[in-house]
Amino acid sequence: MTFAQLGLAALLGYLALLAGVAEVARRARRDASPSDHFLASRGLGTAVLFLTLYATAYSGNSLLGYPGEAYRRGFSFVMATGFMLAIVVVYQLLVPRLYPLSRAEGFVTPGDYLRHRFAGEPGGTGLRLLVALLMSVALANFLLAQLTAMGLVTSQVTGGMVPYWAGVGGLAALILLYESVGGMRAVAWTDAGQGVLMLAGLSALLLWLVRDAGGLAAVTEAIAAVRPEAVAVPPRREQVNWASALVLLGVASVVYPQAIQRVFAARSARALRRSLALMSFMPLLTTLVVTLIGLAAIPRLDALGGVAADTVTPRLLHAWAAEGPGSAALAVLVFLGALAAIMSTADSVLLSLGSVLAQDVLGGDRRDPGTTARGKRLAALSMVVATALALAPRVSLWRLIELKMELLIQCAPAFLLGLHWGGLRARPALAGALAGSAVAVAGVLLGVTRPLGIHVGVVGLGLNLVVACAASALEGRLAPGAGGHRLPRATAPPRAR
């Protein structure tokens, strides 16, 4: 049996298993409320919470986009590990204050926090709506990236037996099925298995590449021989770009709606703390690994005249599988791990997109089962549109990451400043988010995406912060009797139950 045939058989078996998980999750439903469907009734324990956070954070971009970018850019992309470490650090600014507030107030979506924080303030509704729209655009972009990755990996690993369009459409339909019938439970349970598959597959692929090349030192020497610029110290502009990317990805990623909703879904403060502690090790075990995979591919694939960046991982799998039955079986494991990573992120994004559109954009009640039904319908519509767009991809996976982050980061001040500074006001926060978004969109439209090496979204964030802080301070002086917003306690999360 060829690797392509093995891959197809494994794919079919894996999809059947996911359908079974969806049915079990459907039977475990408690009611039709948004809290149950979108947050699994806030019952995720340490193990499942950690694995769903892991599988969601490390997506198709990690398995296809990151190795491809490391292959294209060389050792300078090792800084990608720093991007993911930055996320872990910034989480500590968000979670300790947000989680206890979410338990006390029953938040379901990110907009619930903004509704609570800026209740009764002029501009509060506009701020919540703008943040919801920015998050929806970012989620739709993220969904498109995952669908593109699904089509690429299935078509290339199965040798075209599953064409690109079938990989996109078929897997999108399955995700929509189990997300609709099982909600967060189905998503979290499938994420748990997908996270294990991804970690095992990545480790096996890296061990093969390094062993086959004779060790990391030999890999470096081989890279230097075929592409010397890949091992050179990057120029100053590239170093500035590193620092900019740390800010862009580190800050924007913590306000992903699917990440925030997993914080809301934690069973207890103890489960959340333990999950985040485990997540702190994952950049070294995942991002560093996929970067090394992309680097190890340079001497292998450059000898063939080079390849498109997003095809690096599938080409390595075919080369590995050709070495014998044992290698083919391990290559199939990596294929399933890659597919699992993609699908785990796509299902999480779809679930969050439905909830944000139904509740934060359209103003649905978080206690009304009708909001759940509306969220499902909007998720289905979003999946149909994203699938149609994914059938004609025009942008690389890495560029899709950057585009969504440049808009999503404009939402961060409303959360991070709002949680830590009682003087932040709704109208200034809205003005800042509008100004930052305008800079980001203008930069993309004009093609000025990295002035002086700095991402245009980071430039927009700087303007966003200046406007929000200065205008809030001025508004506070003009209305001294109004006082500031009372902040939640940072050091008193609910005691674990």
Protein backbone atom coordinates (compact mmCIF):
# COMPACT_ATOMS: atom_id res chain seq x y z
CA MET A 1 0.00 0.00 0.00
CA THR A 2 1.43 3.40 -0.98
CA PHE A 3 1.73 6.34 1.38
CA ALA A 4 -1.10 8.10 -0.45
CA GLN A 5 -3.37 5.08 0.06
CA LEU A 6 -2.37 4.80 3.72
CA GLY A 7 -3.09 8.48 4.15
CA LEU A 8 -6.54 8.13 2.61
CA ALA A 9 -7.42 5.13 4.80
CA ALA A 10 -6.23 6.94 7.94
CA LEU A 11 -8.21 10.03 6.94
CA LEU A 12 -11.45 8.08 6.56
CA GLY A 13 -10.97 6.32 9.89
CA TYR A 14 -10.17 9.57 11.65
CA LEU A 15 -13.23 11.31 10.25
CA ALA A 16 -15.47 8.44 11.36
CA LEU A 17 -14.05 8.80 14.88
CA LEU A 18 -14.82 12.53 14.91
CA ALA A 19 -18.41 11.83 13.90
CA GLY A 20 -18.69 9.43 16.84
CA VAL A 21 -17.36 12.05 19.26
CA ALA A 22 -19.97 14.49 17.97
CA GLU A 23 -22.76 12.07 18.81
CA VAL A 24 -21.44 11.47 22.33
CA ALA A 25 -21.18 15.24 22.86
CA ARG A 26 -24.75 15.72 21.59
CA ARG A 27 -26.04 13.29 24.20
CA ALA A 28 -24.09 15.07 26.93
CA ARG A 29 -25.84 18.40 26.32
CA ARG A 30 -27.66 19.84 29.34
CA ASP A 31 -29.82 22.41 27.58
CA ALA A 32 -29.91 24.72 24.55
CA SER A 33 -28.53 27.80 26.30
CA PRO A 34 -25.58 29.75 24.88
CA SER A 35 -23.59 28.91 28.03
CA ASP A 36 -23.97 25.19 27.42
CA HIS A 37 -23.42 25.25 23.66
CA PHE A 38 -20.59 27.78 23.51
CA LEU A 39 -18.88 27.06 26.89
CA ALA A 40 -19.82 23.45 27.72
CA SER A 41 -21.57 24.77 30.86
CA ARG A 42 -18.18 26.02 32.14
CA GLY A 43 -17.09 22.47 32.93
CA LEU A 44 -13.69 22.00 31.26
CA GLY A 45 -11.15 20.42 33.62
CA THR A 46 -7.37 20.73 33.54
CA ALA A 47 -6.53 18.02 31.00
CA VAL A 48 -9.21 18.85 28.42
CA LEU A 49 -8.77 22.60 28.91
CA PHE A 50 -5.01 22.36 28.38
CA LEU A 51 -5.32 20.19 25.28
CA THR A 52 -8.04 22.34 23.70
CA LEU A 53 -5.97 25.48 24.37
CA TYR A 54 -2.94 23.76 22.87
CA ALA A 55 -4.73 22.40 19.81
CA THR A 56 -6.36 25.76 19.16
CA ALA A 57 -3.18 27.81 19.59
CA TYR A 58 -1.09 25.56 17.32
CA SER A 59 -3.03 25.32 14.11
CA GLY A 60 -2.58 24.64 10.42
CA ASN A 61 -0.44 27.75 10.40
CA SER A 62 1.91 26.02 12.83
CA LEU A 63 2.14 22.77 10.85
CA LEU A 64 2.25 24.25 7.35
CA GLY A 65 2.82 28.00 7.59
CA TYR A 66 5.63 27.99 10.16
CA PRO A 67 7.81 25.28 8.54
CA GLY A 68 7.24 26.96 5.18
CA GLU A 69 8.28 30.36 6.54
CA ALA A 70 11.35 28.87 8.26
CA TYR A 71 12.27 27.18 4.97
CA ARG A 72 11.92 30.49 3.13
CA ARG A 73 13.66 32.76 5.64
CA GLY A 74 16.23 30.50 7.30
CA PHE A 75 17.50 30.78 10.86
CA SER A 76 16.03 34.25 11.33
CA PHE A 77 12.64 32.59 11.78
CA VAL A 78 13.77 30.87 14.98
CA MET A 79 12.30 33.95 16.66
CA ALA A 80 8.87 32.38 16.06
CA THR A 81 9.37 30.54 19.35
CA GLY A 82 9.55 33.95 21.00
CA PHE A 83 6.19 34.90 19.46
CA MET A 84 4.45 32.04 21.26
CA LEU A 85 6.30 32.68 24.52
CA ALA A 86 5.12 36.29 24.35
CA ILE A 87 1.52 35.05 24.26
CA VAL A 88 2.06 33.09 27.47
CA VAL A 89 3.46 36.21 29.15
CA VAL A 90 0.66 38.54 28.03
CA TYR A 91 -1.94 36.01 29.20
CA GLN A 92 -0.83 36.83 32.74
CA LEU A 93 -2.09 40.38 32.21
CA LEU A 94 -5.51 39.18 31.09
CA VAL A 95 -6.56 35.99 32.86
CA PRO A 96 -6.12 36.77 36.61
CA ARG A 97 -8.56 39.68 36.42
CA LEU A 98 -10.89 38.47 33.67
CA TYR A 99 -11.61 34.94 34.90
CA PRO A 100 -13.11 35.76 38.32
CA LEU A 101 -15.19 38.50 36.73
CA SER A 102 -16.49 36.08 34.09
CA ARG A 103 -17.58 33.61 36.78
CA ALA A 104 -19.31 36.27 38.83
CA GLU A 105 -21.12 37.86 35.86
CA GLY A 106 -21.73 34.79 33.66
CA PHE A 107 -19.87 36.02 30.56
CA VAL A 108 -20.28 33.93 27.39
CA THR A 109 -18.55 36.10 24.76
CA PRO A 110 -15.84 38.80 24.86
CA GLY A 111 -18.53 41.42 24.31
CA ASP A 112 -20.08 40.53 27.67
CA TYR A 113 -17.00 41.89 29.41
CA LEU A 114 -17.16 45.15 27.45
CA ARG A 115 -20.88 45.46 28.17
CA HIS A 116 -20.14 45.07 31.88
CA ARG A 117 -17.00 47.24 31.99
CA PHE A 118 -18.48 50.23 30.14
CA ALA A 119 -22.10 49.89 31.27
CA GLY A 120 -23.99 53.16 30.93
CA GLU A 121 -21.09 55.08 29.37
CA PRO A 122 -21.52 57.05 26.14
CA GLY A 123 -19.77 55.11 23.39
CA GLY A 124 -19.97 51.77 25.21
CA THR A 125 -22.30 50.19 22.65
CA GLY A 126 -20.22 51.47 19.74
CA LEU A 127 -17.02 50.11 21.30
CA ARG A 128 -18.56 46.69 21.85
CA LEU A 129 -19.85 46.60 18.27
CA LEU A 130 -16.52 47.70 16.76
CA VAL A 131 -14.58 45.11 18.77
CA ALA A 132 -17.09 42.44 17.75
CA LEU A 133 -16.71 43.36 14.07
CA LEU A 134 -12.90 43.36 14.26
CA MET A 135 -12.96 39.99 16.00
CA SER A 136 -15.37 38.62 13.40
CA VAL A 137 -13.09 39.72 10.56
CA ALA A 138 -10.10 38.12 12.30
CA LEU A 139 -12.03 34.91 12.93
CA ALA A 140 -13.24 34.74 9.33
CA ASN A 141 -9.65 35.24 8.14
CA PHE A 142 -8.46 32.51 10.50
CA LEU A 143 -11.18 30.15 9.29
CA LEU A 144 -10.16 30.80 5.69
CA ALA A 145 -6.54 29.96 6.52
CA GLN A 146 -7.53 26.66 8.11
CA LEU A 147 -9.73 25.64 5.19
CA THR A 148 -6.90 26.43 2.78
CA ALA A 149 -4.50 24.34 4.88
CA MET A 150 -6.98 21.43 5.00
CA GLY A 151 -7.22 21.34 1.24
CA LEU A 152 -3.45 21.52 0.78
CA VAL A 153 -2.52 18.79 3.23
CA THR A 154 -5.20 16.30 2.17
CA SER A 155 -4.60 16.68 -1.57
CA GLN A 156 -0.82 16.50 -1.33
CA VAL A 157 -0.57 13.67 1.18
CA THR A 158 -3.13 11.51 -0.64
CA GLY A 159 -1.39 12.11 -3.95
CA GLY A 160 -4.42 13.85 -5.42
CA MET A 161 -6.85 11.00 -4.63
CA VAL A 162 -8.63 13.59 -2.49
CA PRO A 163 -8.47 16.75 -4.63
CA TYR A 164 -8.01 20.14 -3.03
CA TRP A 165 -11.66 21.14 -3.45
CA ALA A 166 -12.88 17.89 -1.89
CA GLY A 167 -10.53 18.28 1.07
CA VAL A 168 -11.81 21.78 1.71
CA GLY A 169 -15.49 21.03 1.21
CA GLY A 170 -15.66 17.61 2.86
CA LEU A 171 -13.74 18.51 5.99
CA ALA A 172 -15.60 21.82 6.30
CA ALA A 173 -18.91 19.92 6.24
CA LEU A 174 -17.74 17.52 8.96
CA ILE A 175 -16.53 20.36 11.21
CA LEU A 176 -19.85 22.13 10.78
CA LEU A 177 -21.67 18.90 11.69
CA TYR A 178 -19.94 18.13 14.97
CA GLU A 179 -19.69 21.79 16.01
CA SER A 180 -23.42 22.25 15.45
CA VAL A 181 -24.61 19.12 17.25
CA GLY A 182 -22.02 18.98 20.03
CA GLY A 183 -20.96 22.60 20.60
CA MET A 184 -17.98 23.31 22.84
CA ARG A 185 -18.00 19.77 24.25
CA ALA A 186 -17.48 18.21 20.84
CA VAL A 187 -14.87 20.84 19.96
CA ALA A 188 -12.95 20.43 23.24
CA TRP A 189 -13.07 16.63 23.22
CA THR A 190 -11.89 16.39 19.63
CA ASP A 191 -9.23 19.01 20.38
CA ALA A 192 -7.89 16.83 23.19
CA GLY A 193 -7.23 13.90 20.86
CA GLN A 194 -6.01 16.20 18.11
CA GLY A 195 -3.49 17.85 20.45
CA VAL A 196 -1.96 14.49 21.37
CA LEU A 197 -1.76 13.47 17.71
CA MET A 198 -0.11 16.74 16.74
CA LEU A 199 2.57 16.57 19.44
CA ALA A 200 3.41 12.93 18.68
CA GLY A 201 3.55 13.52 14.94
CA LEU A 202 5.79 16.56 15.16
CA SER A 203 8.24 14.82 17.47
CA ALA A 204 8.51 11.83 15.15
CA LEU A 205 9.10 13.98 12.05
CA LEU A 206 11.82 16.06 13.73
CA LEU A 207 13.64 12.96 15.01
CA TRP A 208 13.69 11.51 11.50
CA LEU A 209 14.98 14.70 9.90
CA VAL A 210 17.76 15.24 12.45
CA ARG A 211 18.80 11.58 12.55
CA ASP A 212 18.83 11.30 8.78
CA ALA A 213 20.99 14.42 8.47
CA GLY A 214 23.45 13.30 11.17
CA GLY A 215 22.47 15.78 13.91
CA LEU A 216 21.69 19.48 14.27
CA ALA A 217 25.28 20.52 13.56
CA ALA A 218 25.22 18.61 10.27
CA VAL A 219 21.88 20.22 9.38
CA THR A 220 23.38 23.68 9.94
CA GLU A 221 26.43 22.86 7.81
CA ALA A 222 24.22 21.54 5.01
CA ILE A 223 22.08 24.70 5.09
CA ALA A 224 25.19 26.89 4.93
CA ALA A 225 26.42 24.93 1.92
CA VAL A 226 23.27 25.29 -0.17
CA ARG A 227 21.99 28.67 1.06
CA PRO A 228 24.58 30.70 3.04
CA GLU A 229 22.26 33.65 3.60
CA ALA A 230 19.93 31.38 5.61
CA VAL A 231 22.49 31.12 8.45
CA ALA A 232 23.71 34.74 8.35
CA VAL A 233 22.98 37.29 11.08
CA PRO A 234 19.88 39.13 9.88
CA PRO A 235 20.09 42.84 9.03
CA ARG A 236 18.86 45.50 11.45
CA ARG A 237 15.54 45.89 9.65
CA GLU A 238 14.86 42.18 10.13
CA GLN A 239 15.70 42.48 13.83
CA VAL A 240 13.25 45.36 14.15
CA ASN A 241 10.69 43.18 12.43
CA TRP A 242 11.32 40.49 15.06
CA ALA A 243 10.51 42.89 17.89
CA SER A 244 7.44 44.11 16.02
CA ALA A 245 6.21 40.55 15.48
CA LEU A 246 6.66 39.81 19.19
CA VAL A 247 4.29 42.66 19.99
CA LEU A 248 1.87 41.87 17.17
CA LEU A 249 1.44 38.16 17.87
CA GLY A 250 1.95 38.30 21.62
CA VAL A 251 -0.69 40.95 22.23
CA ALA A 252 -3.20 40.11 19.50
CA SER A 253 -3.33 36.39 20.24
CA VAL A 254 -4.60 36.82 23.78
CA VAL A 255 -7.75 38.58 22.57
CA TYR A 256 -8.71 35.82 20.17
CA PRO A 257 -12.39 35.19 20.98
CA GLN A 258 -11.84 31.42 21.04
CA ALA A 259 -9.02 31.84 23.58
CA ILE A 260 -11.08 34.16 25.78
CA GLN A 261 -14.04 31.79 25.67
CA ARG A 262 -11.84 28.91 26.82
CA VAL A 263 -10.93 31.01 29.83
CA PHE A 264 -14.66 31.45 30.49
CA ALA A 265 -15.23 27.68 30.07
CA ALA A 266 -12.74 26.59 32.76
CA ARG A 267 -14.25 24.49 35.54
CA SER A 268 -12.27 26.28 38.25
CA ALA A 269 -9.43 28.72 38.86
CA ARG A 270 -7.16 25.78 39.70
CA ALA A 271 -7.89 24.04 36.39
CA LEU A 272 -7.19 27.27 34.51
CA ARG A 273 -3.91 27.94 36.33
CA ARG A 274 -2.66 24.43 35.73
CA SER A 275 -3.60 24.53 32.06
CA LEU A 276 -1.80 27.81 31.50
CA ALA A 277 1.25 26.52 33.37
CA LEU A 278 1.44 23.55 31.01
CA MET A 279 0.97 25.86 28.02
CA SER A 280 4.15 27.72 28.97
CA PHE A 281 6.23 24.73 27.80
CA MET A 282 4.49 24.33 24.46
CA PRO A 283 6.44 26.94 22.45
CA LEU A 284 9.62 24.91 22.98
CA LEU A 285 7.90 21.62 22.21
CA THR A 286 5.95 22.85 19.19
CA THR A 287 7.00 26.17 17.62
CA LEU A 288 10.70 25.44 17.99
CA VAL A 289 10.13 21.96 16.56
CA VAL A 290 8.22 23.14 13.47
CA THR A 291 10.86 25.83 12.88
CA LEU A 292 13.61 23.20 12.97
CA ILE A 293 11.59 21.07 10.56
CA GLY A 294 11.48 23.96 8.09
CA LEU A 295 15.23 24.55 8.47
CA ALA A 296 16.05 20.87 8.00
CA ALA A 297 14.03 20.94 4.78
CA ILE A 298 16.35 23.53 3.19
CA PRO A 299 19.19 21.19 2.14
CA ARG A 300 16.68 18.49 1.16
CA LEU A 301 14.35 20.57 -0.99
CA ASP A 302 16.67 23.29 -2.32
CA ALA A 303 18.52 20.52 -4.15
CA LEU A 304 15.29 19.96 -6.08
CA GLY A 305 15.15 23.58 -7.15
CA GLY A 306 13.07 24.77 -4.19
CA VAL A 307 9.35 24.42 -3.51
CA ALA A 308 6.41 26.60 -2.51
CA ALA A 309 6.61 27.35 1.21
CA ASP A 310 3.19 25.90 2.13
CA THR A 311 4.07 22.52 0.54
CA VAL A 312 7.20 21.86 2.63
CA THR A 313 5.59 19.58 5.24
CA PRO A 314 3.66 17.36 2.77
CA ARG A 315 6.78 16.91 0.60
CA LEU A 316 8.81 15.85 3.62
CA LEU A 317 6.15 13.29 4.53
CA HIS A 318 6.29 11.71 1.08
CA ALA A 319 10.09 11.51 1.28
CA TRP A 320 9.92 9.91 4.73
CA ALA A 321 7.26 7.38 3.73
CA ALA A 322 9.40 6.18 0.82
CA GLU A 323 11.96 4.72 3.26
CA GLY A 324 9.84 1.72 4.25
CA PRO A 325 6.62 0.50 5.93
CA GLY A 326 7.61 1.70 9.41
CA SER A 327 8.48 5.16 8.11
CA ALA A 328 5.24 5.26 6.11
CA ALA A 329 3.21 4.49 9.24
CA LEU A 330 4.95 7.28 11.17
CA ALA A 331 4.48 9.66 8.25
CA VAL A 332 0.76 8.92 8.32
CA LEU A 333 0.79 9.75 12.04
CA VAL A 334 2.32 13.13 11.21
CA PHE A 335 -0.29 13.66 8.50
CA LEU A 336 -3.08 12.99 11.00
CA GLY A 337 -1.37 15.30 13.47
CA ALA A 338 -1.22 18.08 10.90
CA LEU A 339 -4.83 17.56 9.89
CA ALA A 340 -5.86 17.41 13.55
CA ALA A 341 -4.15 20.73 14.24
CA ILE A 342 -5.94 22.37 11.34
CA MET A 343 -9.37 21.00 12.18
CA SER A 344 -9.07 21.75 15.90
CA THR A 345 -8.47 25.41 15.15
CA ALA A 346 -11.14 25.59 12.46
CA ASP A 347 -13.83 24.17 14.74
CA SER A 348 -12.88 26.51 17.59
CA VAL A 349 -12.91 29.52 15.29
CA LEU A 350 -16.27 28.56 13.82
CA LEU A 351 -17.85 28.12 17.26
CA SER A 352 -16.58 31.52 18.44
CA LEU A 353 -17.55 33.25 15.21
CA GLY A 354 -21.15 32.06 15.54
CA SER A 355 -21.37 33.23 19.15
CA VAL A 356 -19.77 36.65 18.51
CA LEU A 357 -22.01 37.35 15.52
CA ALA A 358 -25.20 36.21 17.27
CA GLN A 359 -24.59 37.88 20.61
CA ASP A 360 -22.10 40.74 20.25
CA VAL A 361 -22.94 41.96 16.73
CA LEU A 362 -26.68 41.27 16.65
CA GLY A 363 -27.25 41.84 20.37
CA GLY A 364 -28.63 38.43 21.34
CA ASP A 365 -29.38 37.60 24.98
CA ARG A 366 -26.80 35.26 26.51
CA ARG A 367 -29.56 33.43 28.40
CA ASP A 368 -31.84 32.90 25.39
CA PRO A 369 -31.77 29.53 23.54
CA GLY A 370 -32.72 31.51 20.45
CA THR A 371 -29.25 33.07 20.53
CA THR A 372 -27.76 29.57 20.33
CA ALA A 373 -29.88 28.72 17.28
CA ARG A 374 -28.98 32.01 15.62
CA GLY A 375 -25.29 31.39 16.31
CA LYS A 376 -25.48 27.98 14.63
CA ARG A 377 -27.10 29.44 11.53
CA LEU A 378 -24.54 32.24 11.30
CA ALA A 379 -21.70 29.74 11.75
CA ALA A 380 -23.08 27.65 8.89
CA LEU A 381 -23.34 30.71 6.63
CA SER A 382 -19.79 31.75 7.53
CA MET A 383 -18.48 28.28 6.73
CA VAL A 384 -20.16 28.30 3.32
CA VAL A 385 -18.66 31.69 2.42
CA ALA A 386 -15.20 30.80 3.72
CA THR A 387 -15.24 27.49 1.83
CA ALA A 388 -16.07 29.28 -1.41
CA LEU A 389 -13.18 31.71 -0.88
CA ALA A 390 -10.78 28.90 0.07
CA LEU A 391 -11.34 27.18 -3.28
CA ALA A 392 -9.26 29.92 -4.94
CA PRO A 393 -6.47 30.80 -2.43
CA ARG A 394 -4.46 33.90 -3.28
CA VAL A 395 -2.40 34.54 -0.12
CA SER A 396 0.16 32.40 1.76
CA LEU A 397 -0.77 31.01 5.17
CA TRP A 398 1.82 33.20 6.92
CA ARG A 399 0.46 36.39 5.34
CA LEU A 400 -3.05 35.42 6.45
CA ILE A 401 -1.73 35.21 10.02
CA GLU A 402 -0.29 38.71 9.86
CA LEU A 403 -3.36 40.27 8.23
CA LYS A 404 -5.76 39.13 10.93
CA MET A 405 -3.39 40.07 13.74
CA GLU A 406 -3.03 43.64 12.49
CA LEU A 407 -6.75 44.21 13.01
CA LEU A 408 -7.23 42.00 16.06
CA ILE A 409 -4.53 43.81 18.04
CA GLN A 410 -6.66 46.98 17.96
CA CYS A 411 -9.09 45.22 20.34
CA ALA A 412 -6.42 44.65 22.99
CA PRO A 413 -6.46 48.07 24.75
CA ALA A 414 -10.17 47.76 25.59
CA PHE A 415 -9.39 44.54 27.48
CA LEU A 416 -5.87 44.99 28.87
CA LEU A 417 -6.23 48.69 29.76
CA GLY A 418 -9.84 48.21 30.82
CA LEU A 419 -8.88 45.49 33.30
CA HIS A 420 -5.95 47.39 34.82
CA TRP A 421 -6.89 51.08 34.61
CA GLY A 422 -10.12 52.34 36.05
CA GLY A 423 -9.74 55.64 34.18
CA LEU A 424 -10.28 54.17 30.72
CA ARG A 425 -13.49 55.53 29.20
CA ALA A 426 -15.63 54.06 26.45
CA ARG A 427 -15.56 56.94 23.96
CA PRO A 428 -11.77 57.35 24.05
CA ALA A 429 -11.31 53.57 23.79
CA LEU A 430 -13.64 53.59 20.77
CA ALA A 431 -11.78 56.51 19.17
CA GLY A 432 -8.45 54.77 19.74
CA ALA A 433 -9.65 51.49 18.24
CA LEU A 434 -11.05 53.34 15.20
CA ALA A 435 -7.80 55.26 14.70
CA GLY A 436 -5.63 52.14 15.03
CA SER A 437 -7.86 50.16 12.67
CA ALA A 438 -7.79 52.96 10.10
CA VAL A 439 -3.98 52.92 10.13
CA ALA A 440 -3.89 49.13 9.76
CA VAL A 441 -6.42 49.06 6.90
CA ALA A 442 -4.79 51.99 5.10
CA GLY A 443 -1.39 50.31 5.33
CA VAL A 444 -2.73 47.10 3.81
CA LEU A 445 -4.61 48.92 1.03
CA LEU A 446 -1.58 51.07 0.17
CA GLY A 447 0.86 48.18 0.40
CA VAL A 448 2.78 49.81 3.27
CA THR A 449 2.59 46.83 5.62
CA ARG A 450 5.95 47.19 7.43
CA PRO A 451 7.22 50.78 7.56
CA LEU A 452 10.83 50.66 8.80
CA GLY A 453 10.30 46.98 9.57
CA ILE A 454 7.43 47.60 12.00
CA HIS A 455 4.08 45.94 11.28
CA VAL A 456 1.44 48.48 10.38
CA GLY A 457 -0.85 46.94 13.00
CA VAL A 458 1.73 47.73 15.70
CA VAL A 459 1.92 51.32 14.44
CA GLY A 460 -1.87 51.43 14.67
CA LEU A 461 -1.73 50.02 18.20
CA GLY A 462 0.60 52.83 19.24
CA LEU A 463 -1.84 55.45 17.95
CA ASN A 464 -4.71 53.50 19.53
CA LEU A 465 -3.07 53.64 22.96
CA VAL A 466 -2.17 57.32 22.72
CA VAL A 467 -5.71 58.32 21.75
CA ALA A 468 -7.40 56.07 24.35
CA CYS A 469 -5.13 57.14 27.23
CA ALA A 470 -4.91 60.84 26.45
CA ALA A 471 -8.61 61.27 25.74
CA SER A 472 -9.60 59.23 28.83
CA ALA A 473 -7.35 61.36 31.02
CA LEU A 474 -8.81 64.53 29.51
CA GLU A 475 -12.37 63.30 29.91
CA GLY A 476 -11.64 62.43 33.53
CA ARG A 477 -10.36 65.94 34.22
CA LEU A 478 -13.41 67.54 32.61
CA ALA A 479 -15.71 65.36 34.71
CA PRO A 480 -13.83 64.97 38.02
CA GLY A 481 -16.90 63.88 39.92
CA ALA A 482 -17.40 60.84 37.75
CA GLY A 483 -14.44 58.96 39.21
CA GLY A 484 -13.00 55.86 37.66
CA HIS A 485 -14.34 52.41 37.01
CA ARG A 486 -13.93 49.99 39.89
CA LEU A 487 -11.55 47.26 38.78
CA PRO A 488 -11.91 43.57 39.59
CA ARG A 489 -9.42 42.18 42.09
CA ALA A 490 -6.38 40.69 40.39
CA THR A 491 -5.35 38.43 43.23
CA ALA A 492 -8.63 36.87 44.21
CA PRO A 493 -9.78 34.31 41.63
CA PRO A 494 -12.56 32.02 42.83
CA ARG A 495 -11.42 29.17 45.01
CA ALA A 496 -11.25 25.89 43.10
CA ARG A 497 -14.27 23.73 43.58
